Amino acid sequence: MDSGAAKGTVDAATPPVPNSRRVTFIRVGARPDGPGEAKDWTCGFISEGTGQKQVALRGLGPSLQLADSTGLLADPTLELHLPDGSVVTNDNWRDNSPDDLAVLTTNQLNPPSDLESAIVADLAPGAYTAILRSKTNDPGVALIEGYDLQSLSSSRFANISTRGLVQ
């Protein structure tokens, strides 16, 4: 098996949103480099500052076909590991609470495919890990996205990193 490293990207931009709130976009993606099979992606980030920060995380796979990608992760699941050791999970984004669904749709952050994942969370300052996995344990190309829903708060995304497990 290839023991090469995964390729990663980090982009920062501001996507258009239907309301006047500014939503900052951080996209972190990884894909295998070589013939190895990546089965989970890890994205670490820090919320630094003095206050709570509301964020939305998305785990994409099937909808990446819109970008002419091949070998996509068919059914991603998303985990958010909190500093206290607890884990927030989501399999299909429509399984969120009504309040979280409203946040996603109001900010036009609902994933294009019902099989994709999303988590809305209020984060205290600290270190966090998001993990995107295949529900079917099949390899594929995937993308983790993070959206800062309170870009004017006293806290911010910082020290964003990514890695893919290549076996």
Foldseek 3Di string as FASTA:
>chain_A
DDPDWKDKDWDWDWDDAPDPFTKIKIKIWTDHDPDFFFFKKKKKWWKDFAAKFKKKKKKDWVVCVVVVDPFTQDAKKKWKQAPVGDIDIWGFQVPDDPVVVCVCVNRVNHDPDRRIHMDIDTHGTDMMMMMMGRPVSGGGTMIMMMMGRCVPDRIDIDDMDMTTDTD
